[in-house]
Amino acid sequence: MTRVKRGQTKTAKRKRKLQHTKGFRWGRKSKRIAAKQALMKAWSYSTRDRKRRKIDFRKLWQMRINAAARQNGLSYSQLINLMHKKKIDLDRKVLSEIAEKHPEVFKSIVEEIKK
């Protein structure tokens, strides 16, 4: 029976973990256990926040559309409702870009919806 020596494997594993913790503060970038805990927390946050980012952007688009719609005499909900009724398919992202960068085009869209 031979003994299994894990020196290289263990060192490589530790090195891989510590490469991921580059930029962390205090001992979390250099101490093995602290680094492992910090990585587990960081990775769980990144998973959660990828989902959260989608929610945040949708909120931002809704605020931009609402502000532009109110300048043209409609509320956000009225605008979206009329768009559905008229079968105008512009998603919120595109609509907010138009509202922000091309207000005259947005105004023409609102006028078309109001007819």
C-alpha atoms as a PDB file:
ATOM      1  CA  MET A   1       0.000   0.000   0.000  1.00  0.00           C
ATOM      2  CA  THR A   2       1.380   3.386  -0.949  1.00  0.00           C
ATOM      3  CA  ARG A   3       0.754   6.689   0.664  1.00  0.00           C
ATOM      4  CA  VAL A   4      -0.962   9.420  -1.373  1.00  0.00           C
ATOM      5  CA  LYS A   5       0.802  12.742  -1.120  1.00  0.00           C
ATOM      6  CA  ARG A   6      -1.361  15.741  -2.051  1.00  0.00           C
ATOM      7  CA  GLY A   7       1.142  18.565  -1.840  1.00  0.00           C
ATOM      8  CA  GLN A   8       0.898  19.710  -5.448  1.00  0.00           C
ATOM      9  CA  THR A   9      -2.856  19.235  -5.693  1.00  0.00           C
ATOM     10  CA  LYS A  10      -3.540  21.087  -2.467  1.00  0.00           C
ATOM     11  CA  THR A  11      -1.223  23.944  -3.384  1.00  0.00           C
ATOM     12  CA  ALA A  12      -2.787  24.287  -6.832  1.00  0.00           C
ATOM     13  CA  LYS A  13      -6.291  24.292  -5.352  1.00  0.00           C
ATOM     14  CA  ARG A  14      -5.355  26.988  -2.828  1.00  0.00           C
ATOM     15  CA  LYS A  15      -3.645  29.048  -5.525  1.00  0.00           C
ATOM     16  CA  ARG A  16      -6.737  28.871  -7.754  1.00  0.00           C
ATOM     17  CA  LYS A  17      -8.958  30.093  -4.907  1.00  0.00           C
ATOM     18  CA  LEU A  18      -6.596  32.920  -4.030  1.00  0.00           C
ATOM     19  CA  GLN A  19      -6.456  34.071  -7.657  1.00  0.00           C
ATOM     20  CA  HIS A  20     -10.211  34.633  -7.507  1.00  0.00           C
ATOM     21  CA  THR A  21      -9.864  36.787  -4.391  1.00  0.00           C
ATOM     22  CA  LYS A  22      -7.580  39.328  -6.039  1.00  0.00           C
ATOM     23  CA  GLY A  23      -8.714  42.790  -5.025  1.00  0.00           C
ATOM     24  CA  PHE A  24     -10.467  41.701  -1.821  1.00  0.00           C
ATOM     25  CA  ARG A  25      -9.569  43.613   1.313  1.00  0.00           C
ATOM     26  CA  TRP A  26      -7.674  42.588   4.431  1.00  0.00           C
ATOM     27  CA  GLY A  27      -7.043  38.885   5.045  1.00  0.00           C
ATOM     28  CA  ARG A  28      -9.807  37.822   2.693  1.00  0.00           C
ATOM     29  CA  LYS A  29      -7.336  37.946  -0.198  1.00  0.00           C
ATOM     30  CA  SER A  30      -4.568  35.929   1.401  1.00  0.00           C
ATOM     31  CA  LYS A  31      -5.875  33.708   4.210  1.00  0.00           C
ATOM     32  CA  ARG A  32      -7.251  30.437   2.885  1.00  0.00           C
ATOM     33  CA  ILE A  33     -10.373  30.044   5.045  1.00  0.00           C
ATOM     34  CA  ALA A  34     -11.313  33.723   4.948  1.00  0.00           C
ATOM     35  CA  ALA A  35     -10.808  33.745   1.187  1.00  0.00           C
ATOM     36  CA  LYS A  36     -13.026  30.694   0.718  1.00  0.00           C
ATOM     37  CA  GLN A  37     -15.835  32.236   2.792  1.00  0.00           C
ATOM     38  CA  ALA A  38     -15.516  35.555   0.970  1.00  0.00           C
ATOM     39  CA  LEU A  39     -15.680  33.821  -2.413  1.00  0.00           C
ATOM     40  CA  MET A  40     -18.780  31.834  -1.496  1.00  0.00           C
ATOM     41  CA  LYS A  41     -20.490  35.039  -0.391  1.00  0.00           C
ATOM     42  CA  ALA A  42     -19.321  36.994  -3.451  1.00  0.00           C
ATOM     43  CA  TRP A  43     -20.486  34.323  -5.880  1.00  0.00           C
ATOM     44  CA  SER A  44     -23.899  34.081  -4.240  1.00  0.00           C
ATOM     45  CA  TYR A  45     -24.244  37.877  -4.449  1.00  0.00           C
ATOM     46  CA  SER A  46     -23.266  37.870  -8.113  1.00  0.00           C
ATOM     47  CA  THR A  47     -25.923  35.274  -8.915  1.00  0.00           C
ATOM     48  CA  ARG A  48     -28.568  37.237  -7.010  1.00  0.00           C
ATOM     49  CA  ASP A  49     -27.574  40.564  -8.533  1.00  0.00           C
ATOM     50  CA  ARG A  50     -27.656  39.319 -12.124  1.00  0.00           C
ATOM     51  CA  LYS A  51     -31.369  38.741 -11.532  1.00  0.00           C
ATOM     52  CA  ARG A  52     -31.731  42.030  -9.656  1.00  0.00           C
ATOM     53  CA  ARG A  53     -30.115  44.060 -12.458  1.00  0.00           C
ATOM     54  CA  LYS A  54     -32.943  43.108 -14.827  1.00  0.00           C
ATOM     55  CA  ILE A  55     -35.507  44.400 -12.316  1.00  0.00           C
ATOM     56  CA  ASP A  56     -33.583  47.635 -11.767  1.00  0.00           C
ATOM     57  CA  PHE A  57     -33.287  48.381 -15.485  1.00  0.00           C
ATOM     58  CA  ARG A  58     -37.003  47.789 -16.033  1.00  0.00           C
ATOM     59  CA  LYS A  59     -37.758  50.287 -13.230  1.00  0.00           C
ATOM     60  CA  LEU A  60     -35.420  52.826 -14.822  1.00  0.00           C
ATOM     61  CA  TRP A  61     -37.075  52.415 -18.232  1.00  0.00           C
ATOM     62  CA  GLN A  62     -40.521  52.856 -16.679  1.00  0.00           C
ATOM     63  CA  MET A  63     -39.450  56.084 -14.951  1.00  0.00           C
ATOM     64  CA  ARG A  64     -38.023  57.522 -18.174  1.00  0.00           C
ATOM     65  CA  ILE A  65     -41.130  56.613 -20.157  1.00  0.00           C
ATOM     66  CA  ASN A  66     -43.397  58.043 -17.453  1.00  0.00           C
ATOM     67  CA  ALA A  67     -41.513  61.356 -17.393  1.00  0.00           C
ATOM     68  CA  ALA A  68     -41.644  61.680 -21.177  1.00  0.00           C
ATOM     69  CA  ALA A  69     -45.289  60.605 -21.349  1.00  0.00           C
ATOM     70  CA  ARG A  70     -46.330  63.191 -18.758  1.00  0.00           C
ATOM     71  CA  GLN A  71     -44.682  65.916 -20.823  1.00  0.00           C
ATOM     72  CA  ASN A  72     -46.978  64.820 -23.642  1.00  0.00           C
ATOM     73  CA  GLY A  73     -50.164  64.720 -21.560  1.00  0.00           C
ATOM     74  CA  LEU A  74     -50.389  61.020 -20.644  1.00  0.00           C
ATOM     75  CA  SER A  75     -49.406  58.926 -17.671  1.00  0.00           C
ATOM     76  CA  TYR A  76     -47.237  55.823 -18.009  1.00  0.00           C
ATOM     77  CA  SER A  77     -50.137  53.425 -17.500  1.00  0.00           C
ATOM     78  CA  GLN A  78     -52.340  55.253 -20.024  1.00  0.00           C
ATOM     79  CA  LEU A  79     -49.535  55.211 -22.596  1.00  0.00           C
ATOM     80  CA  ILE A  80     -48.840  51.475 -22.196  1.00  0.00           C
ATOM     81  CA  ASN A  81     -52.567  50.681 -22.250  1.00  0.00           C
ATOM     82  CA  LEU A  82     -53.135  52.667 -25.455  1.00  0.00           C
ATOM     83  CA  MET A  83     -50.081  51.060 -27.057  1.00  0.00           C
ATOM     84  CA  HIS A  84     -51.518  47.602 -26.355  1.00  0.00           C
ATOM     85  CA  LYS A  85     -54.897  48.594 -27.762  1.00  0.00           C
ATOM     86  CA  LYS A  86     -53.337  50.047 -30.933  1.00  0.00           C
ATOM     87  CA  LYS A  87     -51.062  46.982 -31.217  1.00  0.00           C
ATOM     88  CA  ILE A  88     -47.861  49.054 -31.214  1.00  0.00           C
ATOM     89  CA  ASP A  89     -45.115  46.666 -30.142  1.00  0.00           C
ATOM     90  CA  LEU A  90     -42.246  48.635 -28.692  1.00  0.00           C
ATOM     91  CA  ASP A  91     -40.641  47.225 -25.594  1.00  0.00           C
ATOM     92  CA  ARG A  92     -39.851  49.427 -22.628  1.00  0.00           C
ATOM     93  CA  LYS A  93     -36.120  49.503 -23.298  1.00  0.00           C
ATOM     94  CA  VAL A  94     -36.521  50.830 -26.838  1.00  0.00           C
ATOM     95  CA  LEU A  95     -39.275  53.225 -25.799  1.00  0.00           C
ATOM     96  CA  SER A  96     -37.128  54.711 -23.020  1.00  0.00           C
ATOM     97  CA  GLU A  97     -34.180  55.150 -25.423  1.00  0.00           C
ATOM     98  CA  ILE A  98     -36.464  56.994 -27.850  1.00  0.00           C
ATOM     99  CA  ALA A  99     -37.872  59.124 -25.028  1.00  0.00           C
ATOM    100  CA  GLU A 100     -34.411  60.056 -23.790  1.00  0.00           C
ATOM    101  CA  LYS A 101     -32.493  60.586 -27.028  1.00  0.00           C
ATOM    102  CA  HIS A 102     -35.214  61.508 -29.547  1.00  0.00           C
ATOM    103  CA  PRO A 103     -38.040  63.373 -27.777  1.00  0.00           C
ATOM    104  CA  GLU A 104     -39.572  64.557 -31.080  1.00  0.00           C
ATOM    105  CA  VAL A 105     -39.954  60.941 -32.266  1.00  0.00           C
ATOM    106  CA  PHE A 106     -41.465  60.003 -28.908  1.00  0.00           C
ATOM    107  CA  LYS A 107     -43.919  62.902 -29.244  1.00  0.00           C
ATOM    108  CA  SER A 108     -44.965  61.654 -32.693  1.00  0.00           C
ATOM    109  CA  ILE A 109     -45.512  58.152 -31.241  1.00  0.00           C
ATOM    110  CA  VAL A 110     -47.715  59.617 -28.496  1.00  0.00           C
ATOM    111  CA  GLU A 111     -49.678  61.643 -31.063  1.00  0.00           C
ATOM    112  CA  GLU A 112     -50.220  58.492 -33.149  1.00  0.00           C
ATOM    113  CA  ILE A 113     -51.440  56.636 -30.065  1.00  0.00           C
ATOM    114  CA  LYS A 114     -53.843  59.418 -29.048  1.00  0.00           C
ATOM    115  CA  LYS A 115     -55.687  59.317 -32.402  1.00  0.00           C
END
